[in-house]
All heavy atoms as atom14 arrays in JSON, in Angstrom:
{
  "sequence": "RKARRIRIDEIVLEGRSADTLSLEIACSKGTYIRTLAEDIGRAL",
  "atom14_mask": [
    [1, 1, 1, 1, 1, 1, 1, 1, 1, 1, 1, 0, 0, 0],
    [1, 1, 1, 1, 1, 1, 1, 1, 1, 0, 0, 0, 0, 0],
    [1, 1, 1, 1, 1, 0, 0, 0, 0, 0, 0, 0, 0, 0],
    [1, 1, 1, 1, 1, 1, 1, 1, 1, 1, 1, 0, 0, 0],
    [1, 1, 1, 1, 1, 1, 1, 1, 1, 1, 1, 0, 0, 0],
    [1, 1, 1, 1, 1, 1, 1, 1, 0, 0, 0, 0, 0, 0],
    [1, 1, 1, 1, 1, 1, 1, 1, 1, 1, 1, 0, 0, 0],
    [1, 1, 1, 1, 1, 1, 1, 1, 0, 0, 0, 0, 0, 0],
    [1, 1, 1, 1, 1, 1, 1, 1, 0, 0, 0, 0, 0, 0],
    [1, 1, 1, 1, 1, 1, 1, 1, 1, 0, 0, 0, 0, 0],
    [1, 1, 1, 1, 1, 1, 1, 1, 0, 0, 0, 0, 0, 0],
    [1, 1, 1, 1, 1, 1, 1, 0, 0, 0, 0, 0, 0, 0],
    [1, 1, 1, 1, 1, 1, 1, 1, 0, 0, 0, 0, 0, 0],
    [1, 1, 1, 1, 1, 1, 1, 1, 1, 0, 0, 0, 0, 0],
    [1, 1, 1, 1, 0, 0, 0, 0, 0, 0, 0, 0, 0, 0],
    [1, 1, 1, 1, 1, 1, 1, 1, 1, 1, 1, 0, 0, 0],
    [1, 1, 1, 1, 1, 1, 0, 0, 0, 0, 0, 0, 0, 0],
    [1, 1, 1, 1, 1, 0, 0, 0, 0, 0, 0, 0, 0, 0],
    [1, 1, 1, 1, 1, 1, 1, 1, 0, 0, 0, 0, 0, 0],
    [1, 1, 1, 1, 1, 1, 1, 0, 0, 0, 0, 0, 0, 0],
    [1, 1, 1, 1, 1, 1, 1, 1, 0, 0, 0, 0, 0, 0],
    [1, 1, 1, 1, 1, 1, 0, 0, 0, 0, 0, 0, 0, 0],
    [1, 1, 1, 1, 1, 1, 1, 1, 0, 0, 0, 0, 0, 0],
    [1, 1, 1, 1, 1, 1, 1, 1, 1, 0, 0, 0, 0, 0],
    [1, 1, 1, 1, 1, 1, 1, 1, 0, 0, 0, 0, 0, 0],
    [1, 1, 1, 1, 1, 0, 0, 0, 0, 0, 0, 0, 0, 0],
    [1, 1, 1, 1, 1, 1, 0, 0, 0, 0, 0, 0, 0, 0],
    [1, 1, 1, 1, 1, 1, 0, 0, 0, 0, 0, 0, 0, 0],
    [1, 1, 1, 1, 1, 1, 1, 1, 1, 0, 0, 0, 0, 0],
    [1, 1, 1, 1, 0, 0, 0, 0, 0, 0, 0, 0, 0, 0],
    [1, 1, 1, 1, 1, 1, 1, 0, 0, 0, 0, 0, 0, 0],
    [1, 1, 1, 1, 1, 1, 1, 1, 1, 1, 1, 1, 0, 0],
    [1, 1, 1, 1, 1, 1, 1, 1, 0, 0, 0, 0, 0, 0],
    [1, 1, 1, 1, 1, 1, 1, 1, 1, 1, 1, 0, 0, 0],
    [1, 1, 1, 1, 1, 1, 1, 0, 0, 0, 0, 0, 0, 0],
    [1, 1, 1, 1, 1, 1, 1, 1, 0, 0, 0, 0, 0, 0],
    [1, 1, 1, 1, 1, 0, 0, 0, 0, 0, 0, 0, 0, 0],
    [1, 1, 1, 1, 1, 1, 1, 1, 1, 0, 0, 0, 0, 0],
    [1, 1, 1, 1, 1, 1, 1, 1, 0, 0, 0, 0, 0, 0],
    [1, 1, 1, 1, 1, 1, 1, 1, 0, 0, 0, 0, 0, 0],
    [1, 1, 1, 1, 0, 0, 0, 0, 0, 0, 0, 0, 0, 0],
    [1, 1, 1, 1, 1, 1, 1, 1, 1, 1, 1, 0, 0, 0],
    [1, 1, 1, 1, 1, 0, 0, 0, 0, 0, 0, 0, 0, 0],
    [1, 1, 1, 1, 1, 1, 1, 1, 0, 0, 0, 0, 0, 0]
  ],
  "atom14_positions": [
    [[-5.44, -7.05, 22.01], [-5.3, -7.52, 20.61], [-3.95, -8.09, 20.43], [-2.85, -7.61, 20.95], [-5.45, -6.29, 19.65], [-6.96, -5.88, 19.55], [-7.2, -4.66, 20.48], [-6.49, -3.49, 20.02], [-6.13, -2.47, 20.89], [-6.57, -2.53, 22.12], [-5.56, -1.43, 20.5], [0.0, 0.0, 0.0], [0.0, 0.0, 0.0], [0.0, 0.0, 0.0]],
    [[-3.96, -9.04, 19.59], [-2.62, -9.67, 19.32], [-1.85, -8.92, 18.27], [-2.42, -8.59, 17.2], [-2.92, -11.16, 18.83], [-1.61, -12.03, 18.72], [-2.07, -13.46, 18.37], [-0.67, -14.25, 18.18], [-1.05, -15.71, 17.83], [0.0, 0.0, 0.0], [0.0, 0.0, 0.0], [0.0, 0.0, 0.0], [0.0, 0.0, 0.0], [0.0, 0.0, 0.0]],
    [[-0.63, -8.67, 18.46], [0.16, -8.05, 17.47], [0.37, -8.95, 16.18], [0.46, -10.09, 16.35], [1.56, -7.68, 18.03], [0.0, 0.0, 0.0], [0.0, 0.0, 0.0], [0.0, 0.0, 0.0], [0.0, 0.0, 0.0], [0.0, 0.0, 0.0], [0.0, 0.0, 0.0], [0.0, 0.0, 0.0], [0.0, 0.0, 0.0], [0.0, 0.0, 0.0]],
    [[0.45, -8.19, 15.09], [0.52, -8.97, 13.8], [1.8, -8.45, 12.98], [2.18, -7.28, 13.13], [-0.72, -8.83, 12.9], [-2.03, -9.12, 13.73], [-3.16, -9.32, 12.67], [-3.39, -8.0, 12.03], [-4.33, -7.87, 11.08], [-5.15, -8.85, 10.74], [-4.54, -6.71, 10.44], [0.0, 0.0, 0.0], [0.0, 0.0, 0.0], [0.0, 0.0, 0.0]],
    [[2.45, -9.36, 12.32], [3.52, -8.95, 11.54], [3.18, -8.3, 10.18], [2.3, -8.81, 9.48], [4.43, -10.14, 11.26], [5.82, -9.82, 10.51], [6.74, -11.01, 10.35], [7.18, -11.43, 11.65], [8.19, -10.89, 12.48], [8.84, -9.83, 11.96], [8.43, -11.32, 13.59], [0.0, 0.0, 0.0], [0.0, 0.0, 0.0], [0.0, 0.0, 0.0]],
    [[3.68, -7.1, 9.98], [3.4, -6.26, 8.76], [4.72, -5.91, 8.13], [5.82, -6.14, 8.62], [2.48, -5.05, 9.06], [3.3, -4.15, 9.95], [1.17, -5.45, 9.63], [2.75, -2.78, 9.92], [0.0, 0.0, 0.0], [0.0, 0.0, 0.0], [0.0, 0.0, 0.0], [0.0, 0.0, 0.0], [0.0, 0.0, 0.0], [0.0, 0.0, 0.0]],
    [[4.59, -5.4, 6.94], [5.76, -4.87, 6.29], [5.59, -3.61, 5.49], [4.63, -3.45, 4.8], [6.15, -5.96, 5.12], [7.45, -5.85, 4.5], [7.62, -6.68, 3.25], [6.86, -6.39, 2.21], [5.72, -7.01, 1.72], [5.37, -8.12, 2.42], [5.05, -6.62, 0.74], [0.0, 0.0, 0.0], [0.0, 0.0, 0.0], [0.0, 0.0, 0.0]],
    [[6.43, -2.72, 5.85], [6.4, -1.34, 5.13], [7.58, -1.41, 4.13], [8.74, -1.46, 4.51], [6.57, -0.19, 6.08], [5.63, -0.34, 7.31], [6.33, 1.19, 5.42], [4.08, -0.2, 6.88], [0.0, 0.0, 0.0], [0.0, 0.0, 0.0], [0.0, 0.0, 0.0], [0.0, 0.0, 0.0], [0.0, 0.0, 0.0], [0.0, 0.0, 0.0]],
    [[7.19, -1.24, 2.84], [8.19, -1.29, 1.75], [8.78, 0.01, 1.51], [9.96, 0.12, 1.1], [7.5, -1.82, 0.53], [7.23, -3.32, 0.66], [7.93, -4.09, 1.21], [6.11, -3.76, 0.17], [0.0, 0.0, 0.0], [0.0, 0.0, 0.0], [0.0, 0.0, 0.0], [0.0, 0.0, 0.0], [0.0, 0.0, 0.0], [0.0, 0.0, 0.0]],
    [[7.95, 1.03, 1.72], [8.47, 2.4, 1.32], [7.57, 3.46, 1.92], [6.35, 3.3, 2.0], [8.4, 2.6, -0.26], [8.89, 3.89, -0.83], [8.75, 3.94, -2.32], [7.76, 3.45, -2.8], [9.62, 4.54, -2.91], [0.0, 0.0, 0.0], [0.0, 0.0, 0.0], [0.0, 0.0, 0.0], [0.0, 0.0, 0.0], [0.0, 0.0, 0.0]],
    [[8.22, 4.51, 2.45], [7.57, 5.78, 2.84], [8.28, 6.93, 2.27], [9.42, 7.17, 2.38], [7.58, 5.85, 4.39], [7.0, 4.69, 5.21], [6.79, 7.13, 4.94], [7.02, 4.85, 6.66], [0.0, 0.0, 0.0], [0.0, 0.0, 0.0], [0.0, 0.0, 0.0], [0.0, 0.0, 0.0], [0.0, 0.0, 0.0], [0.0, 0.0, 0.0]],
    [[7.51, 7.63, 1.34], [8.02, 8.72, 0.74], [7.44, 10.09, 1.29], [6.15, 10.17, 1.28], [7.8, 8.65, -0.85], [8.4, 9.93, -1.57], [8.46, 7.36, -1.34], [0.0, 0.0, 0.0], [0.0, 0.0, 0.0], [0.0, 0.0, 0.0], [0.0, 0.0, 0.0], [0.0, 0.0, 0.0], [0.0, 0.0, 0.0], [0.0, 0.0, 0.0]],
    [[8.18, 11.04, 1.59], [7.74, 12.31, 2.05], [7.38, 13.09, 0.81], [8.31, 13.68, 0.15], [8.77, 13.07, 2.92], [8.47, 14.43, 3.49], [7.25, 14.32, 4.37], [9.69, 15.04, 4.18], [0.0, 0.0, 0.0], [0.0, 0.0, 0.0], [0.0, 0.0, 0.0], [0.0, 0.0, 0.0], [0.0, 0.0, 0.0], [0.0, 0.0, 0.0]],
    [[6.11, 13.34, 0.58], [5.64, 14.03, -0.64], [5.53, 15.59, -0.45], [5.67, 16.28, -1.47], [4.4, 13.45, -1.16], [4.43, 12.06, -1.66], [5.19, 11.89, -3.09], [5.55, 12.94, -3.61], [5.36, 10.69, -3.49], [0.0, 0.0, 0.0], [0.0, 0.0, 0.0], [0.0, 0.0, 0.0], [0.0, 0.0, 0.0], [0.0, 0.0, 0.0]],
    [[5.3, 15.91, 0.81], [5.12, 17.34, 1.07], [4.98, 17.59, 2.58], [4.81, 16.57, 3.37], [0.0, 0.0, 0.0], [0.0, 0.0, 0.0], [0.0, 0.0, 0.0], [0.0, 0.0, 0.0], [0.0, 0.0, 0.0], [0.0, 0.0, 0.0], [0.0, 0.0, 0.0], [0.0, 0.0, 0.0], [0.0, 0.0, 0.0], [0.0, 0.0, 0.0]],
    [[5.02, 18.74, 3.04], [4.89, 19.11, 4.39], [4.42, 20.54, 4.68], [4.65, 21.39, 3.8], [6.21, 18.91, 5.15], [7.38, 19.67, 4.52], [8.69, 19.5, 5.39], [8.55, 19.94, 6.63], [9.62, 20.14, 7.57], [10.74, 19.88, 7.15], [9.41, 20.64, 8.67], [0.0, 0.0, 0.0], [0.0, 0.0, 0.0], [0.0, 0.0, 0.0]],
    [[3.78, 20.8, 5.7], [3.62, 22.12, 6.23], [3.98, 22.19, 7.74], [4.63, 21.28, 8.15], [2.12, 22.44, 6.12], [1.4, 21.65, 7.0], [0.0, 0.0, 0.0], [0.0, 0.0, 0.0], [0.0, 0.0, 0.0], [0.0, 0.0, 0.0], [0.0, 0.0, 0.0], [0.0, 0.0, 0.0], [0.0, 0.0, 0.0], [0.0, 0.0, 0.0]],
    [[3.65, 23.23, 8.41], [4.05, 23.37, 9.75], [3.62, 22.27, 10.55], [4.3, 21.94, 11.58], [3.72, 24.82, 10.27], [0.0, 0.0, 0.0], [0.0, 0.0, 0.0], [0.0, 0.0, 0.0], [0.0, 0.0, 0.0], [0.0, 0.0, 0.0], [0.0, 0.0, 0.0], [0.0, 0.0, 0.0], [0.0, 0.0, 0.0], [0.0, 0.0, 0.0]],
    [[2.44, 21.78, 10.34], [1.89, 20.8, 11.21], [1.21, 19.54, 10.45], [0.36, 18.89, 10.99], [0.84, 21.31, 12.09], [-0.42, 21.92, 11.36], [-0.39, 22.02, 10.03], [-1.38, 22.32, 12.01], [0.0, 0.0, 0.0], [0.0, 0.0, 0.0], [0.0, 0.0, 0.0], [0.0, 0.0, 0.0], [0.0, 0.0, 0.0], [0.0, 0.0, 0.0]],
    [[1.6, 19.36, 9.18], [1.15, 18.13, 8.35], [2.19, 17.51, 7.62], [3.25, 18.32, 7.25], [-0.01, 18.54, 7.39], [0.5, 19.46, 6.44], [-1.24, 19.15, 8.22], [0.0, 0.0, 0.0], [0.0, 0.0, 0.0], [0.0, 0.0, 0.0], [0.0, 0.0, 0.0], [0.0, 0.0, 0.0], [0.0, 0.0, 0.0], [0.0, 0.0, 0.0]],
    [[2.13, 16.24, 7.32], [2.95, 15.55, 6.5], [2.19, 14.81, 5.39], [1.11, 14.11, 5.76], [3.78, 14.43, 7.28], [4.68, 14.93, 8.44], [5.35, 13.79, 9.0], [5.82, 15.95, 7.88], [0.0, 0.0, 0.0], [0.0, 0.0, 0.0], [0.0, 0.0, 0.0], [0.0, 0.0, 0.0], [0.0, 0.0, 0.0], [0.0, 0.0, 0.0]],
    [[2.62, 14.87, 4.14], [1.96, 14.19, 3.09], [2.89, 13.07, 2.71], [4.03, 13.31, 2.3], [1.7, 15.15, 1.92], [0.82, 16.14, 2.24], [0.0, 0.0, 0.0], [0.0, 0.0, 0.0], [0.0, 0.0, 0.0], [0.0, 0.0, 0.0], [0.0, 0.0, 0.0], [0.0, 0.0, 0.0], [0.0, 0.0, 0.0], [0.0, 0.0, 0.0]],
    [[2.36, 11.79, 2.88], [3.22, 10.66, 2.61], [2.67, 9.71, 1.59], [1.51, 9.61, 1.39], [3.43, 9.84, 4.03], [3.77, 10.65, 5.21], [3.82, 9.73, 6.42], [5.25, 11.25, 4.95], [0.0, 0.0, 0.0], [0.0, 0.0, 0.0], [0.0, 0.0, 0.0], [0.0, 0.0, 0.0], [0.0, 0.0, 0.0], [0.0, 0.0, 0.0]],
    [[3.52, 9.01, 0.92], [3.16, 7.97, 0.05], [3.68, 6.69, 0.65], [4.92, 6.55, 0.86], [3.75, 8.12, -1.33], [3.31, 7.06, -2.43], [1.93, 7.42, -2.99], [1.43, 8.57, -2.82], [1.37, 6.43, -3.57], [0.0, 0.0, 0.0], [0.0, 0.0, 0.0], [0.0, 0.0, 0.0], [0.0, 0.0, 0.0], [0.0, 0.0, 0.0]],
    [[2.74, 5.75, 0.97], [3.2, 4.53, 1.7], [2.86, 3.29, 1.05], [1.77, 3.1, 0.48], [2.54, 4.53, 3.08], [2.92, 5.68, 3.86], [2.8, 3.2, 3.83], [2.14, 5.83, 5.21], [0.0, 0.0, 0.0], [0.0, 0.0, 0.0], [0.0, 0.0, 0.0], [0.0, 0.0, 0.0], [0.0, 0.0, 0.0], [0.0, 0.0, 0.0]],
    [[3.82, 2.42, 0.73], [3.63, 1.05, 0.11], [3.79, 0.01, 1.28], [4.83, 0.04, 2.01], [4.74, 0.83, -0.97], [0.0, 0.0, 0.0], [0.0, 0.0, 0.0], [0.0, 0.0, 0.0], [0.0, 0.0, 0.0], [0.0, 0.0, 0.0], [0.0, 0.0, 0.0], [0.0, 0.0, 0.0], [0.0, 0.0, 0.0], [0.0, 0.0, 0.0]],
    [[2.85, -0.83, 1.42], [2.82, -1.84, 2.56], [2.14, -3.09, 2.24], [1.59, -3.24, 1.2], [2.27, -1.17, 3.75], [0.39, -0.7, 3.42], [0.0, 0.0, 0.0], [0.0, 0.0, 0.0], [0.0, 0.0, 0.0], [0.0, 0.0, 0.0], [0.0, 0.0, 0.0], [0.0, 0.0, 0.0], [0.0, 0.0, 0.0], [0.0, 0.0, 0.0]],
    [[2.39, -3.97, 3.21], [1.75, -5.36, 3.02], [0.29, -5.24, 3.4], [-0.2, -4.24, 4.06], [2.5, -6.4, 3.9], [2.32, -5.93, 5.29], [0.0, 0.0, 0.0], [0.0, 0.0, 0.0], [0.0, 0.0, 0.0], [0.0, 0.0, 0.0], [0.0, 0.0, 0.0], [0.0, 0.0, 0.0], [0.0, 0.0, 0.0], [0.0, 0.0, 0.0]],
    [[-0.4, -6.29, 3.1], [-1.87, -6.38, 3.48], [-1.9, -6.47, 5.1], [-1.08, -6.92, 5.75], [-2.51, -7.56, 2.92], [-1.99, -8.86, 3.37], [-2.92, -9.64, 4.29], [-2.29, -11.0, 4.67], [-3.14, -11.75, 5.6], [0.0, 0.0, 0.0], [0.0, 0.0, 0.0], [0.0, 0.0, 0.0], [0.0, 0.0, 0.0], [0.0, 0.0, 0.0]],
    [[-3.02, -5.83, 5.63], [-3.2, -5.98, 7.05], [-2.43, -4.82, 7.82], [-2.56, -4.72, 9.07], [0.0, 0.0, 0.0], [0.0, 0.0, 0.0], [0.0, 0.0, 0.0], [0.0, 0.0, 0.0], [0.0, 0.0, 0.0], [0.0, 0.0, 0.0], [0.0, 0.0, 0.0], [0.0, 0.0, 0.0], [0.0, 0.0, 0.0], [0.0, 0.0, 0.0]],
    [[-1.92, -3.94, 7.15], [-1.29, -2.81, 7.72], [-2.29, -1.71, 8.05], [-3.04, -1.33, 7.17], [-0.13, -2.08, 6.69], [0.8, -3.08, 6.56], [0.47, -0.89, 7.45], [0.0, 0.0, 0.0], [0.0, 0.0, 0.0], [0.0, 0.0, 0.0], [0.0, 0.0, 0.0], [0.0, 0.0, 0.0], [0.0, 0.0, 0.0], [0.0, 0.0, 0.0]],
    [[-2.35, -1.25, 9.23], [-3.24, -0.14, 9.72], [-2.39, 1.26, 9.58], [-1.54, 1.53, 10.38], [-3.76, -0.36, 11.02], [-4.84, -1.33, 11.05], [-4.55, -2.7, 11.27], [-6.2, -1.12, 10.81], [-5.56, -3.66, 11.22], [-7.13, -2.0, 10.71], [-6.81, -3.32, 10.93], [-7.87, -4.25, 10.94], [0.0, 0.0, 0.0], [0.0, 0.0, 0.0]],
    [[-2.76, 2.02, 8.56], [-2.17, 3.35, 8.41], [-2.32, 4.18, 9.57], [-1.49, 4.98, 9.96], [-2.48, 3.9, 7.1], [-2.29, 3.05, 5.83], [-1.86, 5.3, 6.76], [-0.79, 2.63, 5.71], [0.0, 0.0, 0.0], [0.0, 0.0, 0.0], [0.0, 0.0, 0.0], [0.0, 0.0, 0.0], [0.0, 0.0, 0.0], [0.0, 0.0, 0.0]],
    [[-3.47, 4.16, 10.23], [-3.76, 4.96, 11.37], [-2.79, 4.69, 12.51], [-2.3, 5.66, 13.09], [-5.2, 4.85, 11.8], [-6.34, 5.45, 10.97], [-7.7, 5.11, 11.48], [-8.03, 3.59, 11.17], [-8.63, 2.82, 11.91], [-9.2, 3.31, 13.18], [-8.97, 1.63, 11.69], [0.0, 0.0, 0.0], [0.0, 0.0, 0.0], [0.0, 0.0, 0.0]],
    [[-2.52, 3.42, 12.69], [-1.58, 3.11, 13.73], [-0.11, 3.52, 13.4], [0.59, 4.01, 14.23], [-1.54, 1.53, 14.0], [-2.89, 1.2, 14.3], [-0.68, 1.12, 15.06], [0.0, 0.0, 0.0], [0.0, 0.0, 0.0], [0.0, 0.0, 0.0], [0.0, 0.0, 0.0], [0.0, 0.0, 0.0], [0.0, 0.0, 0.0], [0.0, 0.0, 0.0]],
    [[0.14, 3.39, 12.12], [1.38, 3.75, 11.65], [1.74, 5.34, 11.77], [2.69, 5.74, 12.25], [1.67, 3.41, 10.17], [3.03, 3.81, 9.51], [4.22, 3.17, 10.25], [2.99, 3.49, 8.07], [0.0, 0.0, 0.0], [0.0, 0.0, 0.0], [0.0, 0.0, 0.0], [0.0, 0.0, 0.0], [0.0, 0.0, 0.0], [0.0, 0.0, 0.0]],
    [[0.54, 6.1, 11.46], [0.7, 7.6, 11.66], [0.89, 7.93, 13.18], [1.63, 8.83, 13.46], [-0.59, 8.12, 11.06], [0.0, 0.0, 0.0], [0.0, 0.0, 0.0], [0.0, 0.0, 0.0], [0.0, 0.0, 0.0], [0.0, 0.0, 0.0], [0.0, 0.0, 0.0], [0.0, 0.0, 0.0], [0.0, 0.0, 0.0], [0.0, 0.0, 0.0]],
    [[0.16, 7.21, 13.97], [0.35, 7.53, 15.4], [1.73, 7.24, 15.85], [2.35, 8.0, 16.65], [-0.57, 6.6, 16.23], [-2.05, 7.14, 16.13], [-3.07, 6.14, 16.86], [-2.68, 4.95, 16.95], [-3.97, 6.72, 17.29], [0.0, 0.0, 0.0], [0.0, 0.0, 0.0], [0.0, 0.0, 0.0], [0.0, 0.0, 0.0], [0.0, 0.0, 0.0]],
    [[2.29, 6.08, 15.41], [3.63, 5.69, 15.83], [4.74, 6.75, 15.23], [5.65, 7.07, 15.92], [4.12, 4.26, 15.28], [3.26, 3.22, 15.99], [2.74, 3.5, 17.15], [3.09, 2.16, 15.49], [0.0, 0.0, 0.0], [0.0, 0.0, 0.0], [0.0, 0.0, 0.0], [0.0, 0.0, 0.0], [0.0, 0.0, 0.0], [0.0, 0.0, 0.0]],
    [[4.44, 7.2, 14.06], [5.39, 8.25, 13.47], [5.28, 9.5, 14.28], [6.36, 10.17, 14.6], [4.95, 8.5, 11.93], [5.35, 7.28, 11.05], [5.7, 9.71, 11.4], [4.92, 7.35, 9.67], [0.0, 0.0, 0.0], [0.0, 0.0, 0.0], [0.0, 0.0, 0.0], [0.0, 0.0, 0.0], [0.0, 0.0, 0.0], [0.0, 0.0, 0.0]],
    [[4.09, 9.92, 14.68], [3.85, 11.11, 15.47], [4.64, 11.1, 16.81], [5.3, 11.97, 17.24], [0.0, 0.0, 0.0], [0.0, 0.0, 0.0], [0.0, 0.0, 0.0], [0.0, 0.0, 0.0], [0.0, 0.0, 0.0], [0.0, 0.0, 0.0], [0.0, 0.0, 0.0], [0.0, 0.0, 0.0], [0.0, 0.0, 0.0], [0.0, 0.0, 0.0]],
    [[4.51, 9.83, 17.44], [5.2, 9.76, 18.72], [6.69, 9.75, 18.58], [7.34, 10.27, 19.42], [4.66, 8.38, 19.29], [3.25, 8.57, 19.8], [2.59, 7.21, 20.14], [1.19, 7.32, 20.47], [0.39, 6.29, 20.51], [0.85, 5.06, 20.28], [-0.9, 6.47, 20.73], [0.0, 0.0, 0.0], [0.0, 0.0, 0.0], [0.0, 0.0, 0.0]],
    [[7.17, 9.08, 17.44], [8.6, 9.22, 17.25], [9.12, 10.62, 16.95], [10.3, 10.93, 17.3], [8.9, 8.26, 16.03], [0.0, 0.0, 0.0], [0.0, 0.0, 0.0], [0.0, 0.0, 0.0], [0.0, 0.0, 0.0], [0.0, 0.0, 0.0], [0.0, 0.0, 0.0], [0.0, 0.0, 0.0], [0.0, 0.0, 0.0], [0.0, 0.0, 0.0]],
    [[8.27, 11.47, 16.48], [8.61, 12.93, 16.18], [8.48, 13.71, 17.46], [8.86, 14.85, 17.51], [7.75, 13.42, 15.06], [8.04, 12.84, 13.66], [7.05, 13.37, 12.64], [9.53, 13.25, 13.21], [0.0, 0.0, 0.0], [0.0, 0.0, 0.0], [0.0, 0.0, 0.0], [0.0, 0.0, 0.0], [0.0, 0.0, 0.0], [0.0, 0.0, 0.0]]
  ]
}
């Protein structure tokens, strides 16, 4: 698949537990939140 340019305007940490994160995300059209969540998990 060809990579596409996206834009994340804001990620707010609204809450957390030992193994979950509750986030508020503002983004451009075409953003896949599932992919973003995977990337965040790998960064952690």
